[in-house]
ModelCIF file with pLDDT and N, C-alpha, C, O atoms, coordinates in Angstrom:
data_MODEL
#
_entry.id   MODEL 
#
_entity.id                         1 
_entity.type                       polymer 
_entity.pdbx_number_of_molecules   1 
#
_entity_poly.entity_id                      1 
_entity_poly.type                           'polypeptide(L)' 
_entity_poly.nstd_linkage                   no 
_entity_poly.nstd_monomer                   no 
_entity_poly.pdbx_seq_one_letter_code       WTFEETRLDDHHHVAVSLGKQEGCGQKHSDVCSMEPNQPQFTLLTFE 
_entity_poly.pdbx_seq_one_letter_code_can   WTFEETRLDDHHHVAVSLGKQEGCGQKHSDVCSMEPNQPQFTLLTFE 
_entity_poly.pdbx_strand_id                 A 
#
loop_
_entity_poly_seq.entity_id 
_entity_poly_seq.num 
_entity_poly_seq.mon_id 
_entity_poly_seq.hetero 
1 1  TRP n 
1 2  THR n 
1 3  PHE n 
1 4  GLU n 
1 5  GLU n 
1 6  THR n 
1 7  ARG n 
1 8  LEU n 
1 9  ASP n 
1 10 ASP n 
1 11 HIS n 
1 12 HIS n 
1 13 HIS n 
1 14 VAL n 
1 15 ALA n 
1 16 VAL n 
1 17 SER n 
1 18 LEU n 
1 19 GLY n 
1 20 LYS n 
1 21 GLN n 
1 22 GLU n 
1 23 GLY n 
1 24 CYS n 
1 25 GLY n 
1 26 GLN n 
1 27 LYS n 
1 28 HIS n 
1 29 SER n 
1 30 ASP n 
1 31 VAL n 
1 32 CYS n 
1 33 SER n 
1 34 MET n 
1 35 GLU n 
1 36 PRO n 
1 37 ASN n 
1 38 GLN n 
1 39 PRO n 
1 40 GLN n 
1 41 PHE n 
1 42 THR n 
1 43 LEU n 
1 44 LEU n 
1 45 THR n 
1 46 PHE n 
1 47 GLU n 
#
_struct_asym.id          A 
_struct_asym.entity_id   1 
#
loop_
_ma_qa_metric.id 
_ma_qa_metric.mode 
_ma_qa_metric.name 
_ma_qa_metric.software_group_id 
_ma_qa_metric.type 
1 global pLDDT . pLDDT 
2 local  pLDDT . pLDDT 
#
_ma_qa_metric_global.metric_id      1 
_ma_qa_metric_global.metric_value   78.02 
_ma_qa_metric_global.model_id       1 
_ma_qa_metric_global.ordinal_id     1 
#
loop_
_ma_qa_metric_local.label_asym_id 
_ma_qa_metric_local.label_comp_id 
_ma_qa_metric_local.label_seq_id 
_ma_qa_metric_local.metric_id 
_ma_qa_metric_local.metric_value 
_ma_qa_metric_local.model_id 
_ma_qa_metric_local.ordinal_id 
A TRP 1  2 96.00 1 1  
A THR 2  2 96.00 1 2  
A PHE 3  2 97.00 1 3  
A GLU 4  2 97.00 1 4  
A GLU 5  2 98.00 1 5  
A THR 6  2 97.00 1 6  
A ARG 7  2 97.00 1 7  
A LEU 8  2 97.00 1 8  
A ASP 9  2 97.00 1 9  
A ASP 10 2 96.00 1 10 
A HIS 11 2 96.00 1 11 
A HIS 12 2 98.00 1 12 
A HIS 13 2 98.00 1 13 
A VAL 14 2 98.00 1 14 
A ALA 15 2 98.00 1 15 
A VAL 16 2 98.00 1 16 
A SER 17 2 97.00 1 17 
A LEU 18 2 97.00 1 18 
A GLY 19 2 95.00 1 19 
A LYS 20 2 86.00 1 20 
A GLN 21 2 74.00 1 21 
A GLU 22 2 68.00 1 22 
A GLY 23 2 56.00 1 23 
A CYS 24 2 51.00 1 24 
A GLY 25 2 49.00 1 25 
A GLN 26 2 47.00 1 26 
A LYS 27 2 45.00 1 27 
A HIS 28 2 44.00 1 28 
A SER 29 2 42.00 1 29 
A ASP 30 2 41.00 1 30 
A VAL 31 2 41.00 1 31 
A CYS 32 2 42.00 1 32 
A SER 33 2 39.00 1 33 
A MET 34 2 39.00 1 34 
A GLU 35 2 45.00 1 35 
A PRO 36 2 43.00 1 36 
A ASN 37 2 53.00 1 37 
A GLN 38 2 63.00 1 38 
A PRO 39 2 82.00 1 39 
A GLN 40 2 92.00 1 40 
A PHE 41 2 96.00 1 41 
A THR 42 2 97.00 1 42 
A LEU 43 2 97.00 1 43 
A LEU 44 2 98.00 1 44 
A THR 45 2 98.00 1 45 
A PHE 46 2 98.00 1 46 
A GLU 47 2 98.00 1 47 
#
loop_
_atom_site.group_PDB 
_atom_site.id 
_atom_site.type_symbol 
_atom_site.label_atom_id 
_atom_site.label_alt_id 
_atom_site.label_comp_id 
_atom_site.label_asym_id 
_atom_site.label_entity_id 
_atom_site.label_seq_id 
_atom_site.pdbx_PDB_ins_code 
_atom_site.Cartn_x 
_atom_site.Cartn_y 
_atom_site.Cartn_z 
_atom_site.occupancy 
_atom_site.B_iso_or_equiv 
_atom_site.pdbx_formal_charge 
_atom_site.auth_seq_id 
_atom_site.auth_comp_id 
_atom_site.auth_asym_id 
_atom_site.auth_atom_id 
_atom_site.pdbx_PDB_model_num 
ATOM 1   N N  . TRP A 1 1  ? -1.534 -2.045  -38.863 1.00 96.00 ? 1  TRP A N  1 
ATOM 2   C CA . TRP A 1 1  ? -1.560 -1.926  -37.404 1.00 96.00 ? 1  TRP A CA 1 
ATOM 3   C C  . TRP A 1 1  ? -0.215 -2.338  -36.817 1.00 96.00 ? 1  TRP A C  1 
ATOM 4   O O  . TRP A 1 1  ? 0.417  -3.295  -37.263 1.00 96.00 ? 1  TRP A O  1 
ATOM 5   N N  . THR A 1 2  ? 0.201  -1.585  -35.803 1.00 96.00 ? 2  THR A N  1 
ATOM 6   C CA . THR A 1 2  ? 1.416  -1.906  -35.052 1.00 96.00 ? 2  THR A CA 1 
ATOM 7   C C  . THR A 1 2  ? 1.019  -2.195  -33.613 1.00 96.00 ? 2  THR A C  1 
ATOM 8   O O  . THR A 1 2  ? 0.137  -1.534  -33.064 1.00 96.00 ? 2  THR A O  1 
ATOM 9   N N  . PHE A 1 3  ? 1.668  -3.181  -33.000 1.00 97.00 ? 3  PHE A N  1 
ATOM 10  C CA . PHE A 1 3  ? 1.356  -3.560  -31.619 1.00 97.00 ? 3  PHE A CA 1 
ATOM 11  C C  . PHE A 1 3  ? 2.617  -3.487  -30.771 1.00 97.00 ? 3  PHE A C  1 
ATOM 12  O O  . PHE A 1 3  ? 3.554  -4.266  -30.949 1.00 97.00 ? 3  PHE A O  1 
ATOM 13  N N  . GLU A 1 4  ? 2.617  -2.541  -29.852 1.00 97.00 ? 4  GLU A N  1 
ATOM 14  C CA . GLU A 1 4  ? 3.728  -2.405  -28.909 1.00 97.00 ? 4  GLU A CA 1 
ATOM 15  C C  . GLU A 1 4  ? 3.424  -3.234  -27.667 1.00 97.00 ? 4  GLU A C  1 
ATOM 16  O O  . GLU A 1 4  ? 2.302  -3.224  -27.158 1.00 97.00 ? 4  GLU A O  1 
ATOM 17  N N  . GLU A 1 5  ? 4.420  -3.940  -27.193 1.00 98.00 ? 5  GLU A N  1 
ATOM 18  C CA . GLU A 1 5  ? 4.255  -4.722  -25.967 1.00 98.00 ? 5  GLU A CA 1 
ATOM 19  C C  . GLU A 1 5  ? 5.374  -4.392  -24.989 1.00 98.00 ? 5  GLU A C  1 
ATOM 20  O O  . GLU A 1 5  ? 6.542  -4.278  -25.361 1.00 98.00 ? 5  GLU A O  1 
ATOM 21  N N  . THR A 1 6  ? 4.981  -4.243  -23.733 1.00 97.00 ? 6  THR A N  1 
ATOM 22  C CA . THR A 1 6  ? 5.939  -3.928  -22.674 1.00 97.00 ? 6  THR A CA 1 
ATOM 23  C C  . THR A 1 6  ? 5.567  -4.699  -21.417 1.00 97.00 ? 6  THR A C  1 
ATOM 24  O O  . THR A 1 6  ? 4.390  -4.843  -21.085 1.00 97.00 ? 6  THR A O  1 
ATOM 25  N N  . ARG A 1 7  ? 6.582  -5.188  -20.726 1.00 97.00 ? 7  ARG A N  1 
ATOM 26  C CA . ARG A 1 7  ? 6.389  -5.723  -19.381 1.00 97.00 ? 7  ARG A CA 1 
ATOM 27  C C  . ARG A 1 7  ? 6.809  -4.633  -18.420 1.00 97.00 ? 7  ARG A C  1 
ATOM 28  O O  . ARG A 1 7  ? 7.973  -4.232  -18.412 1.00 97.00 ? 7  ARG A O  1 
ATOM 29  N N  . LEU A 1 8  ? 5.872  -4.140  -17.598 1.00 97.00 ? 8  LEU A N  1 
ATOM 30  C CA . LEU A 1 8  ? 6.249  -3.133  -16.603 1.00 97.00 ? 8  LEU A CA 1 
ATOM 31  C C  . LEU A 1 8  ? 7.021  -3.770  -15.452 1.00 97.00 ? 8  LEU A C  1 
ATOM 32  O O  . LEU A 1 8  ? 7.927  -3.161  -14.883 1.00 97.00 ? 8  LEU A O  1 
ATOM 33  N N  . ASP A 1 9  ? 6.648  -5.005  -15.120 1.00 97.00 ? 9  ASP A N  1 
ATOM 34  C CA . ASP A 1 9  ? 7.349  -5.774  -14.080 1.00 97.00 ? 9  ASP A CA 1 
ATOM 35  C C  . ASP A 1 9  ? 7.049  -7.250  -14.332 1.00 97.00 ? 9  ASP A C  1 
ATOM 36  O O  . ASP A 1 9  ? 6.576  -7.610  -15.410 1.00 97.00 ? 9  ASP A O  1 
ATOM 37  N N  . ASP A 1 10 ? 7.320  -8.098  -13.353 1.00 96.00 ? 10 ASP A N  1 
ATOM 38  C CA . ASP A 1 10 ? 7.120  -9.541  -13.549 1.00 96.00 ? 10 ASP A CA 1 
ATOM 39  C C  . ASP A 1 10 ? 5.665  -9.934  -13.787 1.00 96.00 ? 10 ASP A C  1 
ATOM 40  O O  . ASP A 1 10 ? 5.395  -11.006 -14.327 1.00 96.00 ? 10 ASP A O  1 
ATOM 41  N N  . HIS A 1 11 ? 4.730  -9.083  -13.391 1.00 96.00 ? 11 HIS A N  1 
ATOM 42  C CA . HIS A 1 11 ? 3.315  -9.469  -13.421 1.00 96.00 ? 11 HIS A CA 1 
ATOM 43  C C  . HIS A 1 11 ? 2.448  -8.674  -14.404 1.00 96.00 ? 11 HIS A C  1 
ATOM 44  O O  . HIS A 1 11 ? 1.318  -9.077  -14.678 1.00 96.00 ? 11 HIS A O  1 
ATOM 45  N N  . HIS A 1 12 ? 2.945  -7.567  -14.934 1.00 98.00 ? 12 HIS A N  1 
ATOM 46  C CA . HIS A 1 12 ? 2.089  -6.680  -15.730 1.00 98.00 ? 12 HIS A CA 1 
ATOM 47  C C  . HIS A 1 12 ? 2.532  -6.580  -17.192 1.00 98.00 ? 12 HIS A C  1 
ATOM 48  O O  . HIS A 1 12 ? 3.661  -6.194  -17.496 1.00 98.00 ? 12 HIS A O  1 
ATOM 49  N N  . HIS A 1 13 ? 1.603  -6.941  -18.085 1.00 98.00 ? 13 HIS A N  1 
ATOM 50  C CA . HIS A 1 13 ? 1.779  -6.742  -19.529 1.00 98.00 ? 13 HIS A CA 1 
ATOM 51  C C  . HIS A 1 13 ? 1.012  -5.489  -19.950 1.00 98.00 ? 13 HIS A C  1 
ATOM 52  O O  . HIS A 1 13 ? -0.117 -5.269  -19.513 1.00 98.00 ? 13 HIS A O  1 
ATOM 53  N N  . VAL A 1 14 ? 1.635  -4.669  -20.804 1.00 98.00 ? 14 VAL A N  1 
ATOM 54  C CA . VAL A 1 14 ? 0.925  -3.553  -21.428 1.00 98.00 ? 14 VAL A CA 1 
ATOM 55  C C  . VAL A 1 14 ? 0.998  -3.732  -22.936 1.00 98.00 ? 14 VAL A C  1 
ATOM 56  O O  . VAL A 1 14 ? 2.066  -3.996  -23.488 1.00 98.00 ? 14 VAL A O  1 
ATOM 57  N N  . ALA A 1 15 ? -0.154 -3.584  -23.601 1.00 98.00 ? 15 ALA A N  1 
ATOM 58  C CA . ALA A 1 15 ? -0.211 -3.622  -25.062 1.00 98.00 ? 15 ALA A CA 1 
ATOM 59  C C  . ALA A 1 15 ? -0.766 -2.294  -25.567 1.00 98.00 ? 15 ALA A C  1 
ATOM 60  O O  . ALA A 1 15 ? -1.735 -1.764  -25.024 1.00 98.00 ? 15 ALA A O  1 
ATOM 61  N N  . VAL A 1 16 ? -0.138 -1.768  -26.611 1.00 98.00 ? 16 VAL A N  1 
ATOM 62  C CA . VAL A 1 16 ? -0.609 -0.545  -27.264 1.00 98.00 ? 16 VAL A CA 1 
ATOM 63  C C  . VAL A 1 16 ? -0.858 -0.864  -28.727 1.00 98.00 ? 16 VAL A C  1 
ATOM 64  O O  . VAL A 1 16 ? 0.056  -1.292  -29.432 1.00 98.00 ? 16 VAL A O  1 
ATOM 65  N N  . SER A 1 17 ? -2.100 -0.660  -29.196 1.00 97.00 ? 17 SER A N  1 
ATOM 66  C CA . SER A 1 17 ? -2.453 -0.865  -30.599 1.00 97.00 ? 17 SER A CA 1 
ATOM 67  C C  . SER A 1 17 ? -2.463 0.479   -31.312 1.00 97.00 ? 17 SER A C  1 
ATOM 68  O O  . SER A 1 17 ? -3.070 1.441   -30.844 1.00 97.00 ? 17 SER A O  1 
ATOM 69  N N  . LEU A 1 18 ? -1.786 0.531   -32.443 1.00 97.00 ? 18 LEU A N  1 
ATOM 70  C CA . LEU A 1 18 ? -1.679 1.771   -33.217 1.00 97.00 ? 18 LEU A CA 1 
ATOM 71  C C  . LEU A 1 18 ? -2.106 1.506   -34.651 1.00 97.00 ? 18 LEU A C  1 
ATOM 72  O O  . LEU A 1 18 ? -1.547 0.635   -35.317 1.00 97.00 ? 18 LEU A O  1 
ATOM 73  N N  . GLY A 1 19 ? -3.105 2.262   -35.135 1.00 95.00 ? 19 GLY A N  1 
ATOM 74  C CA . GLY A 1 19 ? -3.609 2.071   -36.488 1.00 95.00 ? 19 GLY A CA 1 
ATOM 75  C C  . GLY A 1 19 ? -3.881 3.383   -37.178 1.00 95.00 ? 19 GLY A C  1 
ATOM 76  O O  . GLY A 1 19 ? -4.040 4.418   -36.531 1.00 95.00 ? 19 GLY A O  1 
ATOM 77  N N  . LYS A 1 20 ? -3.932 3.340   -38.488 1.00 86.00 ? 20 LYS A N  1 
ATOM 78  C CA . LYS A 1 20 ? -4.192 4.529   -39.283 1.00 86.00 ? 20 LYS A CA 1 
ATOM 79  C C  . LYS A 1 20 ? -5.561 5.093   -38.955 1.00 86.00 ? 20 LYS A C  1 
ATOM 80  O O  . LYS A 1 20 ? -6.544 4.358   -38.859 1.00 86.00 ? 20 LYS A O  1 
ATOM 81  N N  . GLN A 1 21 ? -5.614 6.412   -38.783 1.00 74.00 ? 21 GLN A N  1 
ATOM 82  C CA . GLN A 1 21 ? -6.877 7.060   -38.464 1.00 74.00 ? 21 GLN A CA 1 
ATOM 83  C C  . GLN A 1 21 ? -7.659 7.331   -39.739 1.00 74.00 ? 21 GLN A C  1 
ATOM 84  O O  . GLN A 1 21 ? -7.092 7.804   -40.723 1.00 74.00 ? 21 GLN A O  1 
ATOM 85  N N  . GLU A 1 22 ? -8.956 7.038   -39.733 1.00 68.00 ? 22 GLU A N  1 
ATOM 86  C CA . GLU A 1 22 ? -9.789 7.283   -40.907 1.00 68.00 ? 22 GLU A CA 1 
ATOM 87  C C  . GLU A 1 22 ? -9.793 8.768   -41.233 1.00 68.00 ? 22 GLU A C  1 
ATOM 88  O O  . GLU A 1 22 ? -9.942 9.616   -40.354 1.00 68.00 ? 22 GLU A O  1 
ATOM 89  N N  . GLY A 1 23 ? -9.627 9.061   -42.515 1.00 56.00 ? 23 GLY A N  1 
ATOM 90  C CA . GLY A 1 23 ? -9.627 10.457  -42.937 1.00 56.00 ? 23 GLY A CA 1 
ATOM 91  C C  . GLY A 1 23 ? -8.277 11.128  -42.813 1.00 56.00 ? 23 GLY A C  1 
ATOM 92  O O  . GLY A 1 23 ? -8.122 12.291  -43.185 1.00 56.00 ? 23 GLY A O  1 
ATOM 93  N N  . CYS A 1 24 ? -7.296 10.405  -42.291 1.00 51.00 ? 24 CYS A N  1 
ATOM 94  C CA . CYS A 1 24 ? -5.951 10.955  -42.145 1.00 51.00 ? 24 CYS A CA 1 
ATOM 95  C C  . CYS A 1 24 ? -5.142 10.512  -43.355 1.00 51.00 ? 24 CYS A C  1 
ATOM 96  O O  . CYS A 1 24 ? -4.928 9.317   -43.557 1.00 51.00 ? 24 CYS A O  1 
ATOM 97  N N  . GLY A 1 25 ? -4.700 11.455  -44.147 1.00 49.00 ? 25 GLY A N  1 
ATOM 98  C CA . GLY A 1 25 ? -4.060 11.147  -45.419 1.00 49.00 ? 25 GLY A CA 1 
ATOM 99  C C  . GLY A 1 25 ? -2.723 10.455  -45.288 1.00 49.00 ? 25 GLY A C  1 
ATOM 100 O O  . GLY A 1 25 ? -2.299 9.749   -46.203 1.00 49.00 ? 25 GLY A O  1 
ATOM 101 N N  . GLN A 1 26 ? -2.061 10.642  -44.182 1.00 47.00 ? 26 GLN A N  1 
ATOM 102 C CA . GLN A 1 26 ? -0.727 10.071  -44.020 1.00 47.00 ? 26 GLN A CA 1 
ATOM 103 C C  . GLN A 1 26 ? -0.792 8.564   -43.882 1.00 47.00 ? 26 GLN A C  1 
ATOM 104 O O  . GLN A 1 26 ? -1.685 8.027   -43.227 1.00 47.00 ? 26 GLN A O  1 
ATOM 105 N N  . LYS A 1 27 ? 0.142  7.899   -44.490 1.00 45.00 ? 27 LYS A N  1 
ATOM 106 C CA . LYS A 1 27 ? 0.240  6.452   -44.290 1.00 45.00 ? 27 LYS A CA 1 
ATOM 107 C C  . LYS A 1 27 ? 0.813  6.178   -42.916 1.00 45.00 ? 27 LYS A C  1 
ATOM 108 O O  . LYS A 1 27 ? 1.588  6.961   -42.368 1.00 45.00 ? 27 LYS A O  1 
ATOM 109 N N  . HIS A 1 28 ? 0.404  5.034   -42.374 1.00 44.00 ? 28 HIS A N  1 
ATOM 110 C CA . HIS A 1 28 ? 0.881  4.652   -41.035 1.00 44.00 ? 28 HIS A CA 1 
ATOM 111 C C  . HIS A 1 28 ? 2.407  4.622   -41.004 1.00 44.00 ? 28 HIS A C  1 
ATOM 112 O O  . HIS A 1 28 ? 3.019  5.102   -40.050 1.00 44.00 ? 28 HIS A O  1 
ATOM 113 N N  . SER A 1 29 ? 3.021  4.062   -42.043 1.00 42.00 ? 29 SER A N  1 
ATOM 114 C CA . SER A 1 29 ? 4.486  3.950   -42.047 1.00 42.00 ? 29 SER A CA 1 
ATOM 115 C C  . SER A 1 29 ? 5.139  5.324   -42.021 1.00 42.00 ? 29 SER A C  1 
ATOM 116 O O  . SER A 1 29 ? 6.197  5.502   -41.416 1.00 42.00 ? 29 SER A O  1 
ATOM 117 N N  . ASP A 1 30 ? 4.499  6.314   -42.690 1.00 41.00 ? 30 ASP A N  1 
ATOM 118 C CA . ASP A 1 30 ? 5.035  7.670   -42.677 1.00 41.00 ? 30 ASP A CA 1 
ATOM 119 C C  . ASP A 1 30 ? 4.966  8.264   -41.286 1.00 41.00 ? 30 ASP A C  1 
ATOM 120 O O  . ASP A 1 30 ? 5.908  8.912   -40.828 1.00 41.00 ? 30 ASP A O  1 
ATOM 121 N N  . VAL A 1 31 ? 3.839  8.038   -40.611 1.00 41.00 ? 31 VAL A N  1 
ATOM 122 C CA . VAL A 1 31 ? 3.669  8.570   -39.261 1.00 41.00 ? 31 VAL A CA 1 
ATOM 123 C C  . VAL A 1 31 ? 4.671  7.918   -38.322 1.00 41.00 ? 31 VAL A C  1 
ATOM 124 O O  . VAL A 1 31 ? 5.316  8.591   -37.518 1.00 41.00 ? 31 VAL A O  1 
ATOM 125 N N  . CYS A 1 32 ? 4.797  6.593   -38.434 1.00 42.00 ? 32 CYS A N  1 
ATOM 126 C CA . CYS A 1 32 ? 5.715  5.871   -37.554 1.00 42.00 ? 32 CYS A CA 1 
ATOM 127 C C  . CYS A 1 32 ? 7.145  6.363   -37.703 1.00 42.00 ? 32 CYS A C  1 
ATOM 128 O O  . CYS A 1 32 ? 7.902  6.414   -36.734 1.00 42.00 ? 32 CYS A O  1 
ATOM 129 N N  . SER A 1 33 ? 7.511  6.730   -38.946 1.00 39.00 ? 33 SER A N  1 
ATOM 130 C CA . SER A 1 33 ? 8.893  7.126   -39.178 1.00 39.00 ? 33 SER A CA 1 
ATOM 131 C C  . SER A 1 33 ? 9.246  8.413   -38.457 1.00 39.00 ? 33 SER A C  1 
ATOM 132 O O  . SER A 1 33 ? 10.423 8.694   -38.232 1.00 39.00 ? 33 SER A O  1 
ATOM 133 N N  . MET A 1 34 ? 8.231  9.208   -38.088 1.00 39.00 ? 34 MET A N  1 
ATOM 134 C CA . MET A 1 34 ? 8.492  10.470  -37.411 1.00 39.00 ? 34 MET A CA 1 
ATOM 135 C C  . MET A 1 34 ? 8.517  10.310  -35.895 1.00 39.00 ? 34 MET A C  1 
ATOM 136 O O  . MET A 1 34 ? 8.890  11.239  -35.178 1.00 39.00 ? 34 MET A O  1 
ATOM 137 N N  . GLU A 1 35 ? 8.123  9.143   -35.406 1.00 45.00 ? 35 GLU A N  1 
ATOM 138 C CA . GLU A 1 35 ? 8.017  8.955   -33.963 1.00 45.00 ? 35 GLU A CA 1 
ATOM 139 C C  . GLU A 1 35 ? 9.310  8.411   -33.375 1.00 45.00 ? 35 GLU A C  1 
ATOM 140 O O  . GLU A 1 35 ? 10.138 7.845   -34.089 1.00 45.00 ? 35 GLU A O  1 
ATOM 141 N N  . PRO A 1 36 ? 9.480  8.588   -32.050 1.00 43.00 ? 36 PRO A N  1 
ATOM 142 C CA . PRO A 1 36 ? 10.588 7.887   -31.401 1.00 43.00 ? 36 PRO A CA 1 
ATOM 143 C C  . PRO A 1 36 ? 10.458 6.399   -31.672 1.00 43.00 ? 36 PRO A C  1 
ATOM 144 O O  . PRO A 1 36 ? 9.351  5.861   -31.668 1.00 43.00 ? 36 PRO A O  1 
ATOM 145 N N  . ASN A 1 37 ? 11.578 5.730   -31.908 1.00 53.00 ? 37 ASN A N  1 
ATOM 146 C CA . ASN A 1 37 ? 11.529 4.343   -32.349 1.00 53.00 ? 37 ASN A CA 1 
ATOM 147 C C  . ASN A 1 37 ? 10.899 3.427   -31.319 1.00 53.00 ? 37 ASN A C  1 
ATOM 148 O O  . ASN A 1 37 ? 10.092 2.565   -31.667 1.00 53.00 ? 37 ASN A O  1 
ATOM 149 N N  . GLN A 1 38 ? 11.257 3.601   -30.055 1.00 63.00 ? 38 GLN A N  1 
ATOM 150 C CA . GLN A 1 38 ? 10.751 2.716   -29.011 1.00 63.00 ? 38 GLN A CA 1 
ATOM 151 C C  . GLN A 1 38 ? 10.270 3.552   -27.820 1.00 63.00 ? 38 GLN A C  1 
ATOM 152 O O  . GLN A 1 38 ? 11.005 3.693   -26.843 1.00 63.00 ? 38 GLN A O  1 
ATOM 153 N N  . PRO A 1 39 ? 9.052  4.109   -27.876 1.00 82.00 ? 39 PRO A N  1 
ATOM 154 C CA . PRO A 1 39 ? 8.572  4.928   -26.765 1.00 82.00 ? 39 PRO A CA 1 
ATOM 155 C C  . PRO A 1 39 ? 8.313  4.083   -25.522 1.00 82.00 ? 39 PRO A C  1 
ATOM 156 O O  . PRO A 1 39 ? 7.398  3.259   -25.510 1.00 82.00 ? 39 PRO A O  1 
ATOM 157 N N  . GLN A 1 40 ? 9.106  4.283   -24.485 1.00 92.00 ? 40 GLN A N  1 
ATOM 158 C CA . GLN A 1 40 ? 8.975  3.492   -23.266 1.00 92.00 ? 40 GLN A CA 1 
ATOM 159 C C  . GLN A 1 40 ? 8.013  4.163   -22.293 1.00 92.00 ? 40 GLN A C  1 
ATOM 160 O O  . GLN A 1 40 ? 7.795  5.373   -22.357 1.00 92.00 ? 40 GLN A O  1 
ATOM 161 N N  . PHE A 1 41 ? 7.438  3.367   -21.390 1.00 96.00 ? 41 PHE A N  1 
ATOM 162 C CA . PHE A 1 41 ? 6.555  3.914   -20.371 1.00 96.00 ? 41 PHE A CA 1 
ATOM 163 C C  . PHE A 1 41 ? 7.379  4.611   -19.293 1.00 96.00 ? 41 PHE A C  1 
ATOM 164 O O  . PHE A 1 41 ? 8.338  4.051   -18.763 1.00 96.00 ? 41 PHE A O  1 
ATOM 165 N N  . THR A 1 42 ? 6.985  5.839   -18.983 1.00 97.00 ? 42 THR A N  1 
ATOM 166 C CA . THR A 1 42 ? 7.600  6.611   -17.908 1.00 97.00 ? 42 THR A CA 1 
ATOM 167 C C  . THR A 1 42 ? 6.760  6.446   -16.655 1.00 97.00 ? 42 THR A C  1 
ATOM 168 O O  . THR A 1 42 ? 5.552  6.682   -16.678 1.00 97.00 ? 42 THR A O  1 
ATOM 169 N N  . LEU A 1 43 ? 7.392  6.042   -15.565 1.00 97.00 ? 43 LEU A N  1 
ATOM 170 C CA . LEU A 1 43 ? 6.689  5.862   -14.293 1.00 97.00 ? 43 LEU A CA 1 
ATOM 171 C C  . LEU A 1 43 ? 6.572  7.212   -13.598 1.00 97.00 ? 43 LEU A C  1 
ATOM 172 O O  . LEU A 1 43 ? 7.581  7.866   -13.334 1.00 97.00 ? 43 LEU A O  1 
ATOM 173 N N  . LEU A 1 44 ? 5.345  7.631   -13.301 1.00 98.00 ? 44 LEU A N  1 
ATOM 174 C CA . LEU A 1 44 ? 5.091  8.937   -12.699 1.00 98.00 ? 44 LEU A CA 1 
ATOM 175 C C  . LEU A 1 44 ? 4.861  8.826   -11.196 1.00 98.00 ? 44 LEU A C  1 
ATOM 176 O O  . LEU A 1 44 ? 4.362  7.814   -10.703 1.00 98.00 ? 44 LEU A O  1 
ATOM 177 N N  . THR A 1 45 ? 5.233  9.878   -10.482 1.00 98.00 ? 45 THR A N  1 
ATOM 178 C CA . THR A 1 45 ? 4.883  10.018  -9.069  1.00 98.00 ? 45 THR A CA 1 
ATOM 179 C C  . THR A 1 45 ? 3.584  10.812  -8.971  1.00 98.00 ? 45 THR A C  1 
ATOM 180 O O  . THR A 1 45 ? 3.107  11.352  -9.969  1.00 98.00 ? 45 THR A O  1 
ATOM 181 N N  . PHE A 1 46 ? 3.008  10.882  -7.766  1.00 98.00 ? 46 PHE A N  1 
ATOM 182 C CA . PHE A 1 46 ? 1.817  11.702  -7.593  1.00 98.00 ? 46 PHE A CA 1 
ATOM 183 C C  . PHE A 1 46 ? 2.128  13.170  -7.893  1.00 98.00 ? 46 PHE A C  1 
ATOM 184 O O  . PHE A 1 46 ? 1.307  13.881  -8.473  1.00 98.00 ? 46 PHE A O  1 
ATOM 185 N N  . GLU A 1 47 ? 3.320  13.615  -7.494  1.00 98.00 ? 47 GLU A N  1 
ATOM 186 C CA . GLU A 1 47 ? 3.712  15.003  -7.772  1.00 98.00 ? 47 GLU A CA 1 
ATOM 187 C C  . GLU A 1 47 ? 3.750  15.264  -9.281  1.00 98.00 ? 47 GLU A C  1 
ATOM 188 O O  . GLU A 1 47 ? 4.059  16.377  -9.708  1.00 98.00 ? 47 GLU A O  1 
#
């Protein structure tokens, strides 16, 4: 399991838990290696 942590501002913590999916042959480390290293939260507008 990998745990990403981000502070959006002074008051908000975000945690993302990432784990191997059952039945998925790929190892977690293999999947992680294909992803962006540090996926940051993008702030969206209503538009």
